[in-house]
Every structure is written in C-alpha cells, then in structure tokens.
Amino acid sequence: MTDHSHAVASDEEKMTALLERVSAYIEQFHGGYVQFVSFEDNIVKVKMGGACDGCSLTETTLQGWIAGTIRQFFPDVEEIIAV
C-alpha cells in the first residue's frame, strides 16, 4: 500500500522559504540580505544586513518590496518590521 500523505509546511517554514528567495535576489543585485526572525500574531520580524545596513533605502526596500512580496502570499500579515 502506498502512503499518499504529504508533509505540510508550517507558515513559518513557508515564510522562511519566501524570504530566502527574496534575499537571494537582494544579495545578487544589491549586496544586502533579509533574514526571517519570527512570525507571530500576524507580525513578521526580519533582519536586514549587508549593503542594507545603513542604506538610506532600507525602509523603502522593507515596506515596499519585502512587505509587498510577503503580503502576496500571506495577506493576513499586519506588519513587517526589521529588528
């Protein structure tokens, strides 16, 4: 008998995978990165570094690009903050 059950990834695992893809692009084209920290109570916390550290456009990248991407896949997320 074949077992057709599939492991279902948690929201945290899905969020981590999504942010790894976004980070790969940021690293390749901009020299910065974003890392998943936590996802609780519809709030996502991330760490930004590399070229993003001290960059005047970090908040724009966070609230525009990163938050926009997260909300496409997790529409219930209320806030995305860098820690």
N, C-alpha and C. Protein backbone atom coordinates (compact mmCIF):
# COMPACT_ATOMS: atom_id res chain seq x y z
N MET A 1 0.85 -1.16 0.00
CA MET A 1 0.00 0.00 0.00
C MET A 1 0.90 1.24 0.00
N THR A 2 0.56 2.21 -0.81
CA THR A 2 1.35 3.43 -0.93
C THR A 2 0.78 4.51 -0.03
N ASP A 3 1.65 5.19 0.68
CA ASP A 3 1.24 6.29 1.54
C ASP A 3 1.25 7.58 0.72
N HIS A 4 0.10 8.19 0.53
CA HIS A 4 0.00 9.40 -0.27
C HIS A 4 -0.06 10.66 0.59
N SER A 5 0.23 10.53 1.86
CA SER A 5 0.22 11.72 2.71
C SER A 5 1.42 12.58 2.39
N HIS A 6 1.24 13.87 2.49
CA HIS A 6 2.30 14.83 2.20
C HIS A 6 2.56 15.67 3.44
N ALA A 7 3.81 15.93 3.69
CA ALA A 7 4.14 16.81 4.81
C ALA A 7 3.68 18.23 4.44
N VAL A 8 3.01 18.86 5.35
CA VAL A 8 2.53 20.22 5.12
C VAL A 8 3.45 21.17 5.87
N ALA A 9 3.99 22.12 5.13
CA ALA A 9 4.91 23.09 5.73
C ALA A 9 4.12 24.07 6.58
N SER A 10 4.70 24.47 7.70
CA SER A 10 4.07 25.46 8.56
C SER A 10 4.19 26.84 7.91
N ASP A 11 3.41 27.78 8.39
CA ASP A 11 3.50 29.15 7.88
C ASP A 11 4.91 29.71 8.09
N GLU A 12 5.52 29.36 9.21
CA GLU A 12 6.88 29.81 9.49
C GLU A 12 7.87 29.26 8.46
N GLU A 13 7.71 28.00 8.12
CA GLU A 13 8.59 27.40 7.10
C GLU A 13 8.36 28.03 5.74
N LYS A 14 7.12 28.30 5.40
CA LYS A 14 6.80 28.94 4.13
C LYS A 14 7.36 30.36 4.08
N MET A 15 7.24 31.08 5.19
CA MET A 15 7.75 32.45 5.27
C MET A 15 9.26 32.45 5.13
N THR A 16 9.93 31.52 5.80
CA THR A 16 11.38 31.41 5.71
C THR A 16 11.81 31.16 4.27
N ALA A 17 11.15 30.24 3.59
CA ALA A 17 11.49 29.92 2.20
C ALA A 17 11.26 31.12 1.28
N LEU A 18 10.17 31.83 1.50
CA LEU A 18 9.87 33.02 0.70
C LEU A 18 10.95 34.07 0.89
N LEU A 19 11.32 34.33 2.13
CA LEU A 19 12.33 35.35 2.40
C LEU A 19 13.71 34.93 1.91
N GLU A 20 13.99 33.64 1.87
CA GLU A 20 15.26 33.17 1.31
C GLU A 20 15.33 33.49 -0.18
N ARG A 21 14.23 33.38 -0.88
CA ARG A 21 14.20 33.72 -2.30
C ARG A 21 14.37 35.22 -2.51
N VAL A 22 13.68 36.02 -1.72
CA VAL A 22 13.82 37.47 -1.82
C VAL A 22 15.26 37.86 -1.49
N SER A 23 15.81 37.27 -0.46
CA SER A 23 17.17 37.59 -0.04
C SER A 23 18.19 37.24 -1.13
N ALA A 24 17.97 36.14 -1.82
CA ALA A 24 18.90 35.74 -2.89
C ALA A 24 18.97 36.83 -3.96
N TYR A 25 17.84 37.41 -4.29
CA TYR A 25 17.83 38.49 -5.27
C TYR A 25 18.54 39.73 -4.72
N ILE A 26 18.22 40.09 -3.49
CA ILE A 26 18.86 41.27 -2.88
C ILE A 26 20.37 41.08 -2.82
N GLU A 27 20.80 39.89 -2.44
CA GLU A 27 22.24 39.60 -2.35
C GLU A 27 22.90 39.71 -3.72
N GLN A 28 22.28 39.13 -4.73
CA GLN A 28 22.89 39.10 -6.05
C GLN A 28 22.98 40.49 -6.68
N PHE A 29 21.93 41.28 -6.56
CA PHE A 29 21.88 42.54 -7.28
C PHE A 29 22.20 43.76 -6.44
N HIS A 30 22.12 43.65 -5.12
CA HIS A 30 22.31 44.83 -4.29
C HIS A 30 23.33 44.65 -3.17
N GLY A 31 23.76 43.42 -2.92
CA GLY A 31 24.76 43.17 -1.90
C GLY A 31 24.25 43.14 -0.47
N GLY A 32 22.94 43.18 -0.30
CA GLY A 32 22.34 43.11 1.03
C GLY A 32 21.63 41.79 1.22
N TYR A 33 20.94 41.67 2.35
CA TYR A 33 20.17 40.45 2.59
C TYR A 33 19.03 40.73 3.55
N VAL A 34 18.08 39.82 3.57
CA VAL A 34 16.99 39.82 4.53
C VAL A 34 16.88 38.41 5.09
N GLN A 35 16.71 38.31 6.42
CA GLN A 35 16.57 37.01 7.08
C GLN A 35 15.30 36.99 7.92
N PHE A 36 14.64 35.86 7.92
CA PHE A 36 13.47 35.65 8.76
C PHE A 36 13.89 35.59 10.23
N VAL A 37 13.14 36.28 11.08
CA VAL A 37 13.38 36.22 12.53
C VAL A 37 12.20 35.54 13.22
N SER A 38 10.98 36.05 13.00
CA SER A 38 9.81 35.44 13.63
C SER A 38 8.54 35.84 12.90
N PHE A 39 7.48 35.05 13.17
CA PHE A 39 6.16 35.31 12.60
C PHE A 39 5.14 34.95 13.67
N GLU A 40 4.68 35.97 14.39
CA GLU A 40 3.72 35.76 15.48
C GLU A 40 2.67 36.85 15.45
N ASP A 41 1.43 36.48 15.74
CA ASP A 41 0.32 37.43 15.84
C ASP A 41 0.24 38.32 14.60
N ASN A 42 0.42 37.71 13.42
CA ASN A 42 0.36 38.41 12.14
C ASN A 42 1.40 39.51 11.99
N ILE A 43 2.50 39.41 12.73
CA ILE A 43 3.61 40.35 12.61
C ILE A 43 4.86 39.56 12.21
N VAL A 44 5.49 40.00 11.15
CA VAL A 44 6.72 39.37 10.67
C VAL A 44 7.90 40.24 11.08
N LYS A 45 8.89 39.61 11.68
CA LYS A 45 10.13 40.31 12.03
C LYS A 45 11.25 39.75 11.18
N VAL A 46 12.03 40.65 10.60
CA VAL A 46 13.15 40.26 9.76
C VAL A 46 14.39 41.01 10.18
N LYS A 47 15.53 40.50 9.78
CA LYS A 47 16.80 41.17 9.97
C LYS A 47 17.33 41.50 8.58
N MET A 48 17.78 42.73 8.42
CA MET A 48 18.38 43.14 7.15
C MET A 48 19.83 43.48 7.40
N GLY A 49 20.70 43.14 6.45
CA GLY A 49 22.11 43.40 6.63
C GLY A 49 22.84 43.50 5.32
N GLY A 50 24.14 43.37 5.40
CA GLY A 50 24.98 43.55 4.21
C GLY A 50 24.88 44.99 3.76
N ALA A 51 24.70 45.20 2.48
CA ALA A 51 24.60 46.55 1.94
C ALA A 51 23.35 47.28 2.45
N CYS A 52 22.37 46.54 2.98
CA CYS A 52 21.17 47.18 3.53
C CYS A 52 21.46 47.89 4.85
N ASP A 53 22.50 47.44 5.54
CA ASP A 53 22.86 48.02 6.83
C ASP A 53 23.34 49.46 6.62
N GLY A 54 22.57 50.41 7.09
CA GLY A 54 22.94 51.81 6.96
C GLY A 54 22.52 52.46 5.65
N CYS A 55 21.91 51.70 4.75
CA CYS A 55 21.47 52.25 3.47
C CYS A 55 20.23 53.13 3.67
N SER A 56 20.20 54.26 3.00
CA SER A 56 19.06 55.18 3.14
C SER A 56 17.78 54.61 2.54
N LEU A 57 17.87 53.58 1.73
CA LEU A 57 16.68 52.99 1.10
C LEU A 57 16.20 51.72 1.79
N THR A 58 16.79 51.37 2.92
CA THR A 58 16.41 50.14 3.61
C THR A 58 14.92 50.11 3.96
N GLU A 59 14.40 51.18 4.50
CA GLU A 59 12.98 51.22 4.88
C GLU A 59 12.09 51.09 3.65
N THR A 60 12.48 51.70 2.55
CA THR A 60 11.73 51.59 1.29
C THR A 60 11.75 50.15 0.80
N THR A 61 12.91 49.52 0.86
CA THR A 61 13.03 48.12 0.46
C THR A 61 12.16 47.24 1.35
N LEU A 62 12.20 47.49 2.65
CA LEU A 62 11.43 46.70 3.61
C LEU A 62 9.93 46.86 3.38
N GLN A 63 9.44 48.08 3.38
CA GLN A 63 8.00 48.32 3.30
C GLN A 63 7.43 48.19 1.90
N GLY A 64 8.26 48.40 0.90
CA GLY A 64 7.78 48.28 -0.47
C GLY A 64 7.94 46.87 -0.99
N TRP A 65 9.17 46.50 -1.24
CA TRP A 65 9.46 45.25 -1.91
C TRP A 65 9.24 44.03 -1.02
N ILE A 66 9.84 44.00 0.14
CA ILE A 66 9.74 42.82 1.01
C ILE A 66 8.31 42.66 1.52
N ALA A 67 7.73 43.74 2.07
CA ALA A 67 6.36 43.66 2.59
C ALA A 67 5.37 43.32 1.48
N GLY A 68 5.56 43.92 0.31
CA GLY A 68 4.66 43.64 -0.81
C GLY A 68 4.69 42.18 -1.22
N THR A 69 5.88 41.60 -1.24
CA THR A 69 6.02 40.19 -1.59
C THR A 69 5.39 39.31 -0.53
N ILE A 70 5.65 39.60 0.72
CA ILE A 70 5.07 38.80 1.82
C ILE A 70 3.55 38.84 1.75
N ARG A 71 2.99 40.02 1.55
CA ARG A 71 1.52 40.15 1.56
C ARG A 71 0.84 39.47 0.37
N GLN A 72 1.58 39.23 -0.70
CA GLN A 72 1.02 38.47 -1.82
C GLN A 72 0.71 37.05 -1.39
N PHE A 73 1.54 36.49 -0.54
CA PHE A 73 1.40 35.09 -0.12
C PHE A 73 0.78 34.94 1.27
N PHE A 74 0.86 35.99 2.07
CA PHE A 74 0.31 36.00 3.43
C PHE A 74 -0.51 37.28 3.62
N PRO A 75 -1.70 37.34 3.03
CA PRO A 75 -2.49 38.58 3.07
C PRO A 75 -2.93 39.02 4.47
N ASP A 76 -2.89 38.11 5.44
CA ASP A 76 -3.31 38.48 6.80
C ASP A 76 -2.21 39.14 7.62
N VAL A 77 -1.00 39.21 7.08
CA VAL A 77 0.10 39.86 7.80
C VAL A 77 -0.24 41.34 7.98
N GLU A 78 -0.13 41.80 9.22
CA GLU A 78 -0.46 43.18 9.55
C GLU A 78 0.73 44.11 9.49
N GLU A 79 1.91 43.58 9.83
CA GLU A 79 3.08 44.44 9.92
C GLU A 79 4.34 43.63 9.63
N ILE A 80 5.28 44.28 8.96
CA ILE A 80 6.59 43.70 8.70
C ILE A 80 7.61 44.69 9.25
N ILE A 81 8.43 44.24 10.22
CA ILE A 81 9.38 45.15 10.84
C ILE A 81 10.78 44.54 10.85
N ALA A 82 11.76 45.41 10.73
CA ALA A 82 13.16 45.00 10.84
C ALA A 82 13.61 45.16 12.28
N VAL A 83 14.30 44.17 12.77
CA VAL A 83 14.79 44.21 14.15
C VAL A 83 16.30 44.19 14.18
